[in-house]
Amino acid sequence: MGPRPFFLGVILSPLVDLRVAFSSPRDAFQYKIMLELPQKPTHVKFAFNEKVLMVALVTGQIACYDMNHILSAVGPSRPYVLHIDVVTT
């Protein structure tokens, strides 16, 4: 196999899946969702009772994703971006 392409994103899965994977050395962790991001993330935070995923990017942008849309998607789809803004200091 050739080299794997570089992936910029976040892997999401319910906490129960992570607990099951660590309960036995034989179980491999199987993630549920791979969310591709437009840039490299620096910070990731859930907000509004875990309904919004906020991602700070190296470019200074903050991307806000609708978790209801992400979790209800069947198969690969583009996540619904609520807002992207540039943070200035």
N, C-alpha and C. Protein backbone atom coordinates (compact mmCIF):
# COMPACT_ATOMS: atom_id res chain seq x y z
N MET A 1 0.83 -1.19 0.00
CA MET A 1 0.00 0.00 0.00
C MET A 1 0.87 1.24 0.00
N GLY A 2 0.39 2.27 -0.67
CA GLY A 2 1.09 3.52 -0.71
C GLY A 2 0.83 4.35 0.54
N PRO A 3 1.45 5.51 0.62
CA PRO A 3 1.24 6.36 1.79
C PRO A 3 -0.21 6.84 1.86
N ARG A 4 -0.70 6.99 3.09
CA ARG A 4 -2.06 7.46 3.29
C ARG A 4 -2.09 8.97 3.12
N PRO A 5 -3.16 9.51 2.53
CA PRO A 5 -3.24 10.96 2.39
C PRO A 5 -3.42 11.62 3.76
N PHE A 6 -2.93 12.84 3.87
CA PHE A 6 -3.04 13.59 5.12
C PHE A 6 -4.49 14.00 5.32
N PHE A 7 -5.03 13.74 6.51
CA PHE A 7 -6.42 14.03 6.80
C PHE A 7 -6.51 15.19 7.79
N LEU A 8 -7.23 16.24 7.43
CA LEU A 8 -7.51 17.34 8.34
C LEU A 8 -8.96 17.19 8.78
N GLY A 9 -9.14 16.82 10.02
CA GLY A 9 -10.50 16.65 10.46
C GLY A 9 -10.60 16.17 11.90
N VAL A 10 -11.82 15.77 12.24
CA VAL A 10 -12.14 15.33 13.59
C VAL A 10 -12.88 14.00 13.46
N ILE A 11 -12.55 13.07 14.33
CA ILE A 11 -13.25 11.79 14.37
C ILE A 11 -14.19 11.83 15.56
N LEU A 12 -15.47 11.50 15.32
CA LEU A 12 -16.50 11.56 16.35
C LEU A 12 -17.13 10.19 16.56
N SER A 13 -17.46 9.89 17.80
CA SER A 13 -18.12 8.64 18.13
C SER A 13 -18.71 8.76 19.53
N PRO A 14 -19.78 8.01 19.83
CA PRO A 14 -20.33 8.05 21.18
C PRO A 14 -19.33 7.52 22.22
N LEU A 15 -19.42 8.03 23.43
CA LEU A 15 -18.51 7.64 24.50
C LEU A 15 -18.61 6.15 24.81
N VAL A 16 -19.78 5.58 24.67
CA VAL A 16 -19.95 4.15 24.95
C VAL A 16 -19.08 3.30 24.03
N ASP A 17 -18.89 3.71 22.79
CA ASP A 17 -18.04 2.97 21.86
C ASP A 17 -16.58 2.99 22.32
N LEU A 18 -16.14 4.13 22.83
CA LEU A 18 -14.77 4.24 23.34
C LEU A 18 -14.58 3.36 24.57
N ARG A 19 -15.56 3.34 25.45
CA ARG A 19 -15.48 2.50 26.64
C ARG A 19 -15.42 1.03 26.29
N VAL A 20 -16.20 0.60 25.31
CA VAL A 20 -16.18 -0.80 24.87
C VAL A 20 -14.82 -1.16 24.30
N ALA A 21 -14.24 -0.25 23.52
CA ALA A 21 -12.93 -0.52 22.91
C ALA A 21 -11.85 -0.68 23.96
N PHE A 22 -11.92 0.08 25.06
CA PHE A 22 -10.90 -0.01 26.10
C PHE A 22 -11.19 -1.10 27.13
N SER A 23 -12.38 -1.69 27.09
CA SER A 23 -12.71 -2.73 28.06
C SER A 23 -12.01 -4.05 27.74
N SER A 24 -11.59 -4.23 26.52
CA SER A 24 -10.92 -5.46 26.12
C SER A 24 -9.78 -5.12 25.16
N PRO A 25 -8.62 -5.73 25.36
CA PRO A 25 -7.51 -5.42 24.44
C PRO A 25 -7.75 -5.92 23.02
N ARG A 26 -8.73 -6.79 22.83
CA ARG A 26 -8.99 -7.35 21.50
C ARG A 26 -9.90 -6.47 20.66
N ASP A 27 -10.70 -5.62 21.31
CA ASP A 27 -11.64 -4.79 20.56
C ASP A 27 -10.95 -3.56 19.99
N ALA A 28 -11.11 -3.35 18.72
CA ALA A 28 -10.55 -2.17 18.07
C ALA A 28 -11.60 -1.07 18.09
N PHE A 29 -11.14 0.15 18.25
CA PHE A 29 -12.06 1.29 18.26
C PHE A 29 -12.55 1.56 16.86
N GLN A 30 -13.85 1.57 16.68
CA GLN A 30 -14.48 1.86 15.40
C GLN A 30 -15.23 3.19 15.52
N TYR A 31 -14.70 4.22 14.91
CA TYR A 31 -15.35 5.52 14.98
C TYR A 31 -16.61 5.53 14.12
N LYS A 32 -17.49 6.47 14.40
CA LYS A 32 -18.75 6.59 13.66
C LYS A 32 -18.68 7.61 12.53
N ILE A 33 -18.00 8.75 12.80
CA ILE A 33 -18.04 9.86 11.85
C ILE A 33 -16.65 10.46 11.69
N MET A 34 -16.25 10.72 10.45
CA MET A 34 -15.04 11.48 10.16
C MET A 34 -15.48 12.80 9.54
N LEU A 35 -15.24 13.88 10.24
CA LEU A 35 -15.64 15.20 9.79
C LEU A 35 -14.42 15.91 9.21
N GLU A 36 -14.42 16.11 7.89
CA GLU A 36 -13.31 16.81 7.26
C GLU A 36 -13.41 18.30 7.54
N LEU A 37 -12.27 18.93 7.77
CA LEU A 37 -12.22 20.35 8.06
C LEU A 37 -11.46 21.08 6.96
N PRO A 38 -11.77 22.37 6.74
CA PRO A 38 -11.10 23.11 5.67
C PRO A 38 -9.64 23.44 5.99
N GLN A 39 -9.28 23.49 7.27
CA GLN A 39 -7.92 23.81 7.69
C GLN A 39 -7.58 22.97 8.91
N LYS A 40 -6.34 23.04 9.34
CA LYS A 40 -5.91 22.32 10.54
C LYS A 40 -6.59 22.90 11.78
N PRO A 41 -7.20 22.05 12.63
CA PRO A 41 -7.85 22.56 13.84
C PRO A 41 -6.83 22.81 14.95
N THR A 42 -7.12 23.82 15.78
CA THR A 42 -6.30 24.08 16.96
C THR A 42 -7.07 23.79 18.24
N HIS A 43 -8.37 24.01 18.24
CA HIS A 43 -9.22 23.75 19.39
C HIS A 43 -10.55 23.18 18.92
N VAL A 44 -11.11 22.27 19.70
CA VAL A 44 -12.42 21.68 19.40
C VAL A 44 -13.24 21.72 20.68
N LYS A 45 -14.49 22.18 20.58
CA LYS A 45 -15.35 22.32 21.75
C LYS A 45 -16.81 22.10 21.36
N PHE A 46 -17.52 21.35 22.20
CA PHE A 46 -18.96 21.22 22.03
C PHE A 46 -19.62 22.35 22.81
N ALA A 47 -20.71 22.90 22.26
CA ALA A 47 -21.42 24.00 22.90
C ALA A 47 -22.93 23.78 22.78
N PHE A 48 -23.68 24.56 23.53
CA PHE A 48 -25.14 24.52 23.48
C PHE A 48 -25.68 23.11 23.67
N ASN A 49 -25.33 22.51 24.84
CA ASN A 49 -25.76 21.15 25.18
C ASN A 49 -25.35 20.14 24.11
N GLU A 50 -24.14 20.28 23.61
CA GLU A 50 -23.55 19.39 22.60
C GLU A 50 -24.30 19.38 21.27
N LYS A 51 -25.01 20.46 20.99
CA LYS A 51 -25.74 20.57 19.71
C LYS A 51 -24.89 21.25 18.64
N VAL A 52 -23.83 21.93 19.06
CA VAL A 52 -22.95 22.64 18.12
C VAL A 52 -21.51 22.24 18.39
N LEU A 53 -20.78 21.91 17.34
CA LEU A 53 -19.36 21.63 17.44
C LEU A 53 -18.62 22.86 16.94
N MET A 54 -17.83 23.46 17.83
CA MET A 54 -17.07 24.65 17.47
C MET A 54 -15.61 24.25 17.27
N VAL A 55 -15.03 24.65 16.15
CA VAL A 55 -13.66 24.29 15.81
C VAL A 55 -12.89 25.55 15.46
N ALA A 56 -11.81 25.81 16.21
CA ALA A 56 -10.92 26.92 15.88
C ALA A 56 -9.87 26.39 14.91
N LEU A 57 -9.63 27.14 13.85
CA LEU A 57 -8.70 26.72 12.80
C LEU A 57 -7.43 27.57 12.85
N VAL A 58 -6.34 27.05 12.30
CA VAL A 58 -5.06 27.75 12.33
C VAL A 58 -5.11 29.09 11.60
N THR A 59 -6.05 29.26 10.70
CA THR A 59 -6.17 30.51 9.95
C THR A 59 -6.84 31.61 10.76
N GLY A 60 -7.30 31.29 12.00
CA GLY A 60 -7.99 32.26 12.82
C GLY A 60 -9.49 32.18 12.69
N GLN A 61 -9.98 31.30 11.85
CA GLN A 61 -11.41 31.14 11.68
C GLN A 61 -11.97 30.23 12.78
N ILE A 62 -13.24 30.43 13.08
CA ILE A 62 -13.98 29.52 13.96
C ILE A 62 -15.14 28.97 13.15
N ALA A 63 -15.19 27.65 13.03
CA ALA A 63 -16.27 26.98 12.30
C ALA A 63 -17.22 26.36 13.31
N CYS A 64 -18.52 26.56 13.12
CA CYS A 64 -19.54 26.00 14.00
C CYS A 64 -20.39 25.03 13.18
N TYR A 65 -20.46 23.78 13.62
CA TYR A 65 -21.17 22.73 12.89
C TYR A 65 -22.40 22.29 13.67
N ASP A 66 -23.48 22.02 12.97
CA ASP A 66 -24.73 21.53 13.56
C ASP A 66 -24.60 20.02 13.78
N MET A 67 -24.52 19.60 15.05
CA MET A 67 -24.33 18.18 15.36
C MET A 67 -25.55 17.34 15.00
N ASN A 68 -26.75 17.90 15.07
CA ASN A 68 -27.93 17.13 14.67
C ASN A 68 -27.84 16.72 13.21
N HIS A 69 -27.36 17.62 12.36
CA HIS A 69 -27.20 17.32 10.94
C HIS A 69 -26.10 16.28 10.72
N ILE A 70 -25.00 16.43 11.44
CA ILE A 70 -23.87 15.51 11.29
C ILE A 70 -24.26 14.10 11.72
N LEU A 71 -24.93 13.98 12.87
CA LEU A 71 -25.28 12.67 13.40
C LEU A 71 -26.41 11.99 12.62
N SER A 72 -27.24 12.77 11.94
CA SER A 72 -28.35 12.17 11.20
C SER A 72 -28.00 11.84 9.76
N ALA A 73 -26.82 12.23 9.31
CA ALA A 73 -26.41 11.97 7.93
C ALA A 73 -26.19 10.48 7.71
N VAL A 74 -26.65 9.99 6.59
CA VAL A 74 -26.44 8.59 6.21
C VAL A 74 -25.43 8.58 5.07
N GLY A 75 -24.30 7.94 5.30
CA GLY A 75 -23.26 7.91 4.29
C GLY A 75 -22.50 9.23 4.26
N PRO A 76 -21.56 9.34 3.35
CA PRO A 76 -20.76 10.57 3.29
C PRO A 76 -21.61 11.75 2.84
N SER A 77 -21.50 12.83 3.56
CA SER A 77 -22.20 14.06 3.17
C SER A 77 -21.42 15.24 3.73
N ARG A 78 -21.66 16.38 3.16
CA ARG A 78 -21.00 17.60 3.64
C ARG A 78 -21.71 18.06 4.90
N PRO A 79 -20.97 18.36 5.96
CA PRO A 79 -21.62 18.83 7.19
C PRO A 79 -22.21 20.21 7.00
N TYR A 80 -23.29 20.45 7.71
CA TYR A 80 -23.94 21.75 7.66
C TYR A 80 -23.17 22.71 8.56
N VAL A 81 -22.56 23.72 7.96
CA VAL A 81 -21.78 24.69 8.70
C VAL A 81 -22.72 25.82 9.11
N LEU A 82 -22.85 26.02 10.43
CA LEU A 82 -23.70 27.10 10.91
C LEU A 82 -23.07 28.45 10.67
N HIS A 83 -21.75 28.54 10.89
CA HIS A 83 -21.10 29.85 10.78
C HIS A 83 -19.58 29.66 10.71
N ILE A 84 -18.92 30.44 9.91
CA ILE A 84 -17.46 30.53 9.91
C ILE A 84 -17.12 32.00 9.98
N ASP A 85 -16.27 32.36 10.93
CA ASP A 85 -15.90 33.74 11.12
C ASP A 85 -14.41 33.82 11.43
N VAL A 86 -13.81 34.96 11.15
CA VAL A 86 -12.40 35.19 11.46
C VAL A 86 -12.32 35.94 12.78
N VAL A 87 -11.49 35.44 13.68
CA VAL A 87 -11.30 36.08 14.97
C VAL A 87 -10.13 37.04 14.87
N THR A 88 -10.33 38.27 15.27
CA THR A 88 -9.24 39.25 15.30
C THR A 88 -9.05 39.72 16.72
N THR A 89 -7.81 40.00 17.06
CA THR A 89 -7.52 40.48 18.42
C THR A 89 -7.08 41.91 18.42
